[in-house]
């Protein structure tokens, strides 16, 4: 039995930040393979520096703490149908998030950067001719609903992503721009792999009703749905992809 949805994004333009690994890479490849014209960002100078499949995807080097770079990228789009704010990291600049400087750096990267990029792209998103309107999707984290003392700034930033999602959704609804978020649970990605030691994995899987860690495609599938016209009456919502972790 096969019960998977397929989508046609022919003619759609999409910008996905941080599409060079993990969840972001799963998102950009799914959009590309469905026919969208996709641009993604990364920190390295060229796409070939990553050694992964980015064929057919436009690459743009960007640091989300670079305000000039953000404005320059936004200026490249006269219209935009899909924006996925995926890029982010813990311990920005290698700093301890429990210090003022480390906290500030991590919030700047994970909250202010996506906020500024989204705001800069308002005109392009409002110019979308997609029947369901333009779609903005932000990536959040379980650190918004449970304490993770090692990364307090990351949790604060991702909580801010949810707050800005709701406010953008209300403010931009009249412009036919939908704004939603996806909260990812314990997903096996390059960013989380250092903390996924066997005992920790076993502990988290034991608490997860579906009995496994998530993979990038699990999250990407939810993001892709929110970018389709099938979700044209969904805005200001948060989809949690965690295998039931939050209800256990």
C-alpha atoms as a PDB file:
ATOM      1  CA  UNK A   1       0.000   0.000   0.000  1.00  0.00           C
ATOM      2  CA  UNK A   2       1.231   3.487  -0.871  1.00  0.00           C
ATOM      3  CA  UNK A   3      -0.398   6.466   0.806  1.00  0.00           C
ATOM      4  CA  UNK A   4       1.824   9.419   0.041  1.00  0.00           C
ATOM      5  CA  UNK A   5       0.765  12.785  -1.345  1.00  0.00           C
ATOM      6  CA  UNK A   6       2.573  14.278  -4.307  1.00  0.00           C
ATOM      7  CA  UNK A   7       2.612  17.961  -5.184  1.00  0.00           C
ATOM      8  CA  UNK A   8       3.223  20.079  -8.251  1.00  0.00           C
ATOM      9  CA  UNK A   9       5.121  23.306  -7.584  1.00  0.00           C
ATOM     10  CA  UNK A  10       5.698  24.154 -11.239  1.00  0.00           C
ATOM     11  CA  UNK A  11       5.979  27.924 -11.641  1.00  0.00           C
ATOM     12  CA  UNK A  12       6.500  28.533  -7.901  1.00  0.00           C
ATOM     13  CA  UNK A  13       9.499  30.399  -6.502  1.00  0.00           C
ATOM     14  CA  UNK A  14      10.898  29.374  -3.117  1.00  0.00           C
ATOM     15  CA  UNK A  15      13.602  30.568  -0.758  1.00  0.00           C
ATOM     16  CA  UNK A  16      14.759  28.158   1.947  1.00  0.00           C
ATOM     17  CA  UNK A  17      17.500  29.264   4.317  1.00  0.00           C
ATOM     18  CA  UNK A  18      20.011  26.680   5.451  1.00  0.00           C
ATOM     19  CA  UNK A  19      19.233  24.123   2.769  1.00  0.00           C
ATOM     20  CA  UNK A  20      22.672  22.530   2.758  1.00  0.00           C
ATOM     21  CA  UNK A  21      22.094  19.815   5.359  1.00  0.00           C
ATOM     22  CA  UNK A  22      19.523  18.061   7.519  1.00  0.00           C
ATOM     23  CA  UNK A  23      15.947  19.306   7.475  1.00  0.00           C
ATOM     24  CA  UNK A  24      16.745  22.196   5.144  1.00  0.00           C
ATOM     25  CA  UNK A  25      18.265  19.933   2.520  1.00  0.00           C
ATOM     26  CA  UNK A  26      15.243  17.627   2.655  1.00  0.00           C
ATOM     27  CA  UNK A  27      12.982  20.648   2.092  1.00  0.00           C
ATOM     28  CA  UNK A  28      14.887  22.094  -0.853  1.00  0.00           C
ATOM     29  CA  UNK A  29      15.175  18.778  -2.660  1.00  0.00           C
ATOM     30  CA  UNK A  30      11.469  18.042  -2.249  1.00  0.00           C
ATOM     31  CA  UNK A  31      10.548  21.482  -3.589  1.00  0.00           C
ATOM     32  CA  UNK A  32      13.010  21.181  -6.478  1.00  0.00           C
ATOM     33  CA  UNK A  33      11.842  17.704  -7.415  1.00  0.00           C
ATOM     34  CA  UNK A  34       8.239  18.962  -7.422  1.00  0.00           C
ATOM     35  CA  UNK A  35       9.103  21.662  -9.965  1.00  0.00           C
ATOM     36  CA  UNK A  36       9.742  24.790  -7.886  1.00  0.00           C
ATOM     37  CA  UNK A  37      12.504  27.277  -8.677  1.00  0.00           C
ATOM     38  CA  UNK A  38      14.432  27.060  -5.407  1.00  0.00           C
ATOM     39  CA  UNK A  39      17.052  29.323  -3.862  1.00  0.00           C
ATOM     40  CA  UNK A  40      18.850  28.285  -0.706  1.00  0.00           C
ATOM     41  CA  UNK A  41      21.488  29.776   1.553  1.00  0.00           C
ATOM     42  CA  UNK A  42      24.531  28.571   3.415  1.00  0.00           C
ATOM     43  CA  UNK A  43      27.621  29.933   5.121  1.00  0.00           C
ATOM     44  CA  UNK A  44      30.239  28.592   2.686  1.00  0.00           C
ATOM     45  CA  UNK A  45      31.246  30.529  -0.446  1.00  0.00           C
ATOM     46  CA  UNK A  46      29.883  28.065  -3.026  1.00  0.00           C
ATOM     47  CA  UNK A  47      27.360  25.231  -3.226  1.00  0.00           C
ATOM     48  CA  UNK A  48      30.097  22.850  -4.336  1.00  0.00           C
ATOM     49  CA  UNK A  49      31.829  23.342  -1.000  1.00  0.00           C
ATOM     50  CA  UNK A  50      29.204  21.123   0.629  1.00  0.00           C
ATOM     51  CA  UNK A  51      29.579  17.964  -1.459  1.00  0.00           C
ATOM     52  CA  UNK A  52      25.843  17.255  -1.464  1.00  0.00           C
ATOM     53  CA  UNK A  53      23.102  17.292  -4.088  1.00  0.00           C
ATOM     54  CA  UNK A  54      22.199  20.907  -4.809  1.00  0.00           C
ATOM     55  CA  UNK A  55      21.774  20.438  -8.559  1.00  0.00           C
ATOM     56  CA  UNK A  56      19.164  22.773 -10.011  1.00  0.00           C
ATOM     57  CA  UNK A  57      19.084  24.881  -6.856  1.00  0.00           C
ATOM     58  CA  UNK A  58      20.335  28.473  -6.786  1.00  0.00           C
ATOM     59  CA  UNK A  59      22.824  28.997  -3.978  1.00  0.00           C
ATOM     60  CA  UNK A  60      23.444  32.238  -2.099  1.00  0.00           C
ATOM     61  CA  UNK A  61      26.020  32.664   0.646  1.00  0.00           C
ATOM     62  CA  UNK A  62      24.436  34.294   3.687  1.00  0.00           C
ATOM     63  CA  UNK A  63      25.135  34.818   7.360  1.00  0.00           C
ATOM     64  CA  UNK A  64      21.835  35.475   9.118  1.00  0.00           C
ATOM     65  CA  UNK A  65      23.616  37.959  11.366  1.00  0.00           C
ATOM     66  CA  UNK A  66      24.672  40.019   8.330  1.00  0.00           C
ATOM     67  CA  UNK A  67      22.015  42.694   7.950  1.00  0.00           C
ATOM     68  CA  UNK A  68      23.455  43.995   4.695  1.00  0.00           C
ATOM     69  CA  UNK A  69      23.513  40.459   3.299  1.00  0.00           C
ATOM     70  CA  UNK A  70      19.903  39.890   4.303  1.00  0.00           C
ATOM     71  CA  UNK A  71      18.744  43.037   2.569  1.00  0.00           C
ATOM     72  CA  UNK A  72      20.788  42.181  -0.513  1.00  0.00           C
ATOM     73  CA  UNK A  73      19.248  38.721  -0.793  1.00  0.00           C
ATOM     74  CA  UNK A  74      15.735  40.068  -0.327  1.00  0.00           C
ATOM     75  CA  UNK A  75      16.308  42.628  -3.079  1.00  0.00           C
ATOM     76  CA  UNK A  76      16.854  39.800  -5.570  1.00  0.00           C
ATOM     77  CA  UNK A  77      13.189  38.782  -5.398  1.00  0.00           C
ATOM     78  CA  UNK A  78      10.476  40.827  -7.095  1.00  0.00           C
ATOM     79  CA  UNK A  79       7.961  38.108  -6.272  1.00  0.00           C
ATOM     80  CA  UNK A  80       8.197  35.091  -3.967  1.00  0.00           C
ATOM     81  CA  UNK A  81       5.697  32.302  -3.329  1.00  0.00           C
ATOM     82  CA  UNK A  82       7.409  30.364  -0.543  1.00  0.00           C
ATOM     83  CA  UNK A  83       9.781  31.372   2.256  1.00  0.00           C
ATOM     84  CA  UNK A  84      11.060  28.752   4.697  1.00  0.00           C
ATOM     85  CA  UNK A  85      13.098  30.122   7.592  1.00  0.00           C
ATOM     86  CA  UNK A  86      15.011  26.961   8.370  1.00  0.00           C
ATOM     87  CA  UNK A  87      18.587  28.105   9.084  1.00  0.00           C
ATOM     88  CA  UNK A  88      19.647  28.256  12.692  1.00  0.00           C
ATOM     89  CA  UNK A  89      22.096  26.841  15.216  1.00  0.00           C
ATOM     90  CA  UNK A  90      22.821  26.390  18.881  1.00  0.00           C
ATOM     91  CA  UNK A  91      25.869  28.000  20.539  1.00  0.00           C
ATOM     92  CA  UNK A  92      26.167  30.791  17.958  1.00  0.00           C
ATOM     93  CA  UNK A  93      29.794  31.758  17.492  1.00  0.00           C
ATOM     94  CA  UNK A  94      30.786  28.848  19.709  1.00  0.00           C
ATOM     95  CA  UNK A  95      29.735  30.814  22.790  1.00  0.00           C
ATOM     96  CA  UNK A  96      28.060  29.652  25.985  1.00  0.00           C
ATOM     97  CA  UNK A  97      24.369  30.564  25.754  1.00  0.00           C
ATOM     98  CA  UNK A  98      24.242  31.132  29.511  1.00  0.00           C
ATOM     99  CA  UNK A  99      26.413  34.230  29.153  1.00  0.00           C
ATOM    100  CA  UNK A 100      24.982  37.566  27.997  1.00  0.00           C
ATOM    101  CA  UNK A 101      27.117  37.624  24.860  1.00  0.00           C
ATOM    102  CA  UNK A 102      26.336  34.027  23.964  1.00  0.00           C
ATOM    103  CA  UNK A 103      22.629  34.516  24.631  1.00  0.00           C
ATOM    104  CA  UNK A 104      22.541  37.626  22.472  1.00  0.00           C
ATOM    105  CA  UNK A 105      24.423  35.965  19.598  1.00  0.00           C
ATOM    106  CA  UNK A 106      22.144  32.928  19.521  1.00  0.00           C
ATOM    107  CA  UNK A 107      18.955  35.001  19.621  1.00  0.00           C
ATOM    108  CA  UNK A 108      20.332  37.266  16.896  1.00  0.00           C
ATOM    109  CA  UNK A 109      20.971  34.272  14.648  1.00  0.00           C
ATOM    110  CA  UNK A 110      17.796  32.286  15.318  1.00  0.00           C
ATOM    111  CA  UNK A 111      15.207  35.005  15.827  1.00  0.00           C
ATOM    112  CA  UNK A 112      16.250  38.432  14.609  1.00  0.00           C
ATOM    113  CA  UNK A 113      17.840  37.178  11.383  1.00  0.00           C
ATOM    114  CA  UNK A 114      14.712  35.305  10.209  1.00  0.00           C
ATOM    115  CA  UNK A 115      12.545  38.223  11.373  1.00  0.00           C
ATOM    116  CA  UNK A 116      14.529  40.730   9.322  1.00  0.00           C
ATOM    117  CA  UNK A 117      14.593  38.507   6.228  1.00  0.00           C
ATOM    118  CA  UNK A 118      10.849  37.875   6.413  1.00  0.00           C
ATOM    119  CA  UNK A 119      10.112  41.565   6.860  1.00  0.00           C
ATOM    120  CA  UNK A 120      12.407  42.500   3.967  1.00  0.00           C
ATOM    121  CA  UNK A 121      10.540  40.053   1.705  1.00  0.00           C
ATOM    122  CA  UNK A 122       7.037  41.299   2.503  1.00  0.00           C
ATOM    123  CA  UNK A 123       6.632  43.067  -0.836  1.00  0.00           C
ATOM    124  CA  UNK A 124       7.807  40.050  -2.827  1.00  0.00           C
ATOM    125  CA  UNK A 125       5.513  37.717  -0.881  1.00  0.00           C
ATOM    126  CA  UNK A 126       2.559  40.058  -1.330  1.00  0.00           C
ATOM    127  CA  UNK A 127       3.227  39.918  -5.077  1.00  0.00           C
ATOM    128  CA  UNK A 128       2.707  36.153  -5.227  1.00  0.00           C
ATOM    129  CA  UNK A 129       0.027  35.017  -7.657  1.00  0.00           C
ATOM    130  CA  UNK A 130      -0.352  31.589  -6.061  1.00  0.00           C
ATOM    131  CA  UNK A 131      -4.092  30.825  -5.662  1.00  0.00           C
ATOM    132  CA  UNK A 132      -3.555  30.024  -1.988  1.00  0.00           C
ATOM    133  CA  UNK A 133      -1.378  33.062  -1.405  1.00  0.00           C
ATOM    134  CA  UNK A 134       2.264  33.164  -0.425  1.00  0.00           C
ATOM    135  CA  UNK A 135       3.449  30.861   2.346  1.00  0.00           C
ATOM    136  CA  UNK A 136       5.997  31.551   5.077  1.00  0.00           C
ATOM    137  CA  UNK A 137       7.063  28.665   7.309  1.00  0.00           C
ATOM    138  CA  UNK A 138       9.339  28.995  10.329  1.00  0.00           C
ATOM    139  CA  UNK A 139      11.140  26.139  12.075  1.00  0.00           C
ATOM    140  CA  UNK A 140      10.758  25.838  15.819  1.00  0.00           C
ATOM    141  CA  UNK A 141      11.851  23.335  18.444  1.00  0.00           C
ATOM    142  CA  UNK A 142      10.744  21.319  21.469  1.00  0.00           C
ATOM    143  CA  UNK A 143      12.893  23.723  23.471  1.00  0.00           C
ATOM    144  CA  UNK A 144       9.812  25.975  23.392  1.00  0.00           C
ATOM    145  CA  UNK A 145       7.826  23.532  25.544  1.00  0.00           C
ATOM    146  CA  UNK A 146      10.496  21.897  27.738  1.00  0.00           C
ATOM    147  CA  UNK A 147      13.495  23.273  29.573  1.00  0.00           C
ATOM    148  CA  UNK A 148      16.852  22.630  27.942  1.00  0.00           C
ATOM    149  CA  UNK A 149      19.273  24.360  30.347  1.00  0.00           C
ATOM    150  CA  UNK A 150      22.257  23.872  28.027  1.00  0.00           C
ATOM    151  CA  UNK A 151      20.699  26.085  25.313  1.00  0.00           C
ATOM    152  CA  UNK A 152      18.500  28.710  27.024  1.00  0.00           C
ATOM    153  CA  UNK A 153      18.957  31.251  24.236  1.00  0.00           C
ATOM    154  CA  UNK A 154      17.986  28.772  21.530  1.00  0.00           C
ATOM    155  CA  UNK A 155      14.782  27.982  23.433  1.00  0.00           C
ATOM    156  CA  UNK A 156      14.029  31.677  23.860  1.00  0.00           C
ATOM    157  CA  UNK A 157      14.659  32.358  20.171  1.00  0.00           C
ATOM    158  CA  UNK A 158      12.469  29.490  19.018  1.00  0.00           C
ATOM    159  CA  UNK A 159       9.694  30.661  21.357  1.00  0.00           C
ATOM    160  CA  UNK A 160      10.052  34.032  19.674  1.00  0.00           C
ATOM    161  CA  UNK A 161       9.646  32.350  16.288  1.00  0.00           C
ATOM    162  CA  UNK A 162       6.226  31.102  17.391  1.00  0.00           C
ATOM    163  CA  UNK A 163       5.207  34.557  18.644  1.00  0.00           C
ATOM    164  CA  UNK A 164       6.302  36.271  15.422  1.00  0.00           C
ATOM    165  CA  UNK A 165       4.533  33.583  13.393  1.00  0.00           C
ATOM    166  CA  UNK A 166       1.207  34.439  15.016  1.00  0.00           C
ATOM    167  CA  UNK A 167       1.733  38.178  14.692  1.00  0.00           C
ATOM    168  CA  UNK A 168       2.845  38.017  11.057  1.00  0.00           C
ATOM    169  CA  UNK A 169      -0.141  35.792  10.283  1.00  0.00           C
ATOM    170  CA  UNK A 170      -2.583  38.317  11.698  1.00  0.00           C
ATOM    171  CA  UNK A 171      -0.872  41.359  10.210  1.00  0.00           C
ATOM    172  CA  UNK A 172      -0.268  39.933   6.737  1.00  0.00           C
ATOM    173  CA  UNK A 173      -3.439  37.904   6.238  1.00  0.00           C
ATOM    174  CA  UNK A 174      -5.068  40.727   4.229  1.00  0.00           C
ATOM    175  CA  UNK A 175      -2.065  40.588   1.871  1.00  0.00           C
ATOM    176  CA  UNK A 176      -2.748  36.888   1.161  1.00  0.00           C
ATOM    177  CA  UNK A 177       0.410  35.835   2.976  1.00  0.00           C
ATOM    178  CA  UNK A 178       0.019  32.797   5.214  1.00  0.00           C
ATOM    179  CA  UNK A 179       2.519  32.349   8.057  1.00  0.00           C
ATOM    180  CA  UNK A 180       2.881  29.075   9.957  1.00  0.00           C
ATOM    181  CA  UNK A 181       5.514  27.172  11.913  1.00  0.00           C
ATOM    182  CA  UNK A 182       6.657  23.598  12.346  1.00  0.00           C
ATOM    183  CA  UNK A 183       8.002  22.458  15.701  1.00  0.00           C
ATOM    184  CA  UNK A 184      10.491  19.658  15.250  1.00  0.00           C
ATOM    185  CA  UNK A 185      11.005  16.994  17.900  1.00  0.00           C
ATOM    186  CA  UNK A 186      14.082  14.831  18.285  1.00  0.00           C
ATOM    187  CA  UNK A 187      15.321  14.639  14.715  1.00  0.00           C
ATOM    188  CA  UNK A 188      18.520  12.897  13.656  1.00  0.00           C
ATOM    189  CA  UNK A 189      20.393  15.705  11.883  1.00  0.00           C
ATOM    190  CA  UNK A 190      23.993  16.961  11.755  1.00  0.00           C
ATOM    191  CA  UNK A 191      23.126  19.669  14.304  1.00  0.00           C
ATOM    192  CA  UNK A 192      21.674  17.240  16.857  1.00  0.00           C
ATOM    193  CA  UNK A 193      23.967  14.257  16.247  1.00  0.00           C
ATOM    194  CA  UNK A 194      26.613  15.303  18.829  1.00  0.00           C
ATOM    195  CA  UNK A 195      24.031  15.014  21.615  1.00  0.00           C
ATOM    196  CA  UNK A 196      22.476  11.778  20.345  1.00  0.00           C
ATOM    197  CA  UNK A 197      24.645   9.369  22.331  1.00  0.00           C
ATOM    198  CA  UNK A 198      23.159   5.854  22.763  1.00  0.00           C
ATOM    199  CA  UNK A 199      21.840   6.292  26.317  1.00  0.00           C
ATOM    200  CA  UNK A 200      20.266   9.641  25.438  1.00  0.00           C
ATOM    201  CA  UNK A 201      18.678   8.218  22.281  1.00  0.00           C
ATOM    202  CA  UNK A 202      17.212   5.328  24.266  1.00  0.00           C
ATOM    203  CA  UNK A 203      15.777   7.734  26.846  1.00  0.00           C
ATOM    204  CA  UNK A 204      14.094   9.932  24.235  1.00  0.00           C
ATOM    205  CA  UNK A 205      12.789   7.028  22.154  1.00  0.00           C
ATOM    206  CA  UNK A 206      11.304   5.439  25.284  1.00  0.00           C
ATOM    207  CA  UNK A 207       9.301   8.632  25.866  1.00  0.00           C
ATOM    208  CA  UNK A 208       8.156   8.881  22.233  1.00  0.00           C
ATOM    209  CA  UNK A 209       4.874   7.042  21.537  1.00  0.00           C
ATOM    210  CA  UNK A 210       5.904   6.244  17.952  1.00  0.00           C
ATOM    211  CA  UNK A 211       9.085   4.656  19.247  1.00  0.00           C
ATOM    212  CA  UNK A 212      11.793   6.245  17.106  1.00  0.00           C
ATOM    213  CA  UNK A 213      13.725   9.403  16.397  1.00  0.00           C
ATOM    214  CA  UNK A 214      12.476  11.559  13.567  1.00  0.00           C
ATOM    215  CA  UNK A 215      14.300  12.040  10.297  1.00  0.00           C
ATOM    216  CA  UNK A 216      14.597  15.204   8.182  1.00  0.00           C
ATOM    217  CA  UNK A 217      11.960  13.976   5.720  1.00  0.00           C
ATOM    218  CA  UNK A 218       9.378  13.746   8.521  1.00  0.00           C
ATOM    219  CA  UNK A 219       9.718  17.469   9.151  1.00  0.00           C
ATOM    220  CA  UNK A 220      10.114  18.398   5.490  1.00  0.00           C
ATOM    221  CA  UNK A 221       6.827  16.714   4.589  1.00  0.00           C
ATOM    222  CA  UNK A 222       4.957  18.908   7.085  1.00  0.00           C
ATOM    223  CA  UNK A 223       6.705  22.032   5.812  1.00  0.00           C
ATOM    224  CA  UNK A 224       5.910  21.170   2.191  1.00  0.00           C
ATOM    225  CA  UNK A 225       2.212  20.693   2.981  1.00  0.00           C
ATOM    226  CA  UNK A 226       2.060  24.171   4.532  1.00  0.00           C
ATOM    227  CA  UNK A 227       3.520  25.565   1.299  1.00  0.00           C
ATOM    228  CA  UNK A 228       0.747  24.096  -0.876  1.00  0.00           C
ATOM    229  CA  UNK A 229      -2.638  25.456  -1.849  1.00  0.00           C
ATOM    230  CA  UNK A 230      -4.086  22.494   0.096  1.00  0.00           C
ATOM    231  CA  UNK A 231      -3.307  24.506   3.234  1.00  0.00           C
ATOM    232  CA  UNK A 232      -4.776  27.762   1.935  1.00  0.00           C
ATOM    233  CA  UNK A 233      -7.011  28.227   5.014  1.00  0.00           C
ATOM    234  CA  UNK A 234      -4.235  27.574   7.542  1.00  0.00           C
ATOM    235  CA  UNK A 235      -2.324  30.494   9.005  1.00  0.00           C
ATOM    236  CA  UNK A 236      -0.926  31.345  12.418  1.00  0.00           C
ATOM    237  CA  UNK A 237      -0.711  27.628  13.224  1.00  0.00           C
ATOM    238  CA  UNK A 238       2.021  25.410  14.602  1.00  0.00           C
ATOM    239  CA  UNK A 239       2.398  21.822  13.406  1.00  0.00           C
ATOM    240  CA  UNK A 240       4.334  19.644  15.840  1.00  0.00           C
ATOM    241  CA  UNK A 241       6.363  16.811  14.340  1.00  0.00           C
ATOM    242  CA  UNK A 242       7.664  14.902  17.346  1.00  0.00           C
ATOM    243  CA  UNK A 243       6.250  11.365  17.253  1.00  0.00           C
ATOM    244  CA  UNK A 244       3.951  12.250  20.157  1.00  0.00           C
ATOM    245  CA  UNK A 245       6.758  13.296  22.511  1.00  0.00           C
ATOM    246  CA  UNK A 246       4.859  16.320  23.822  1.00  0.00           C
ATOM    247  CA  UNK A 247       1.826  14.314  24.902  1.00  0.00           C
ATOM    248  CA  UNK A 248       3.716  11.538  26.657  1.00  0.00           C
END
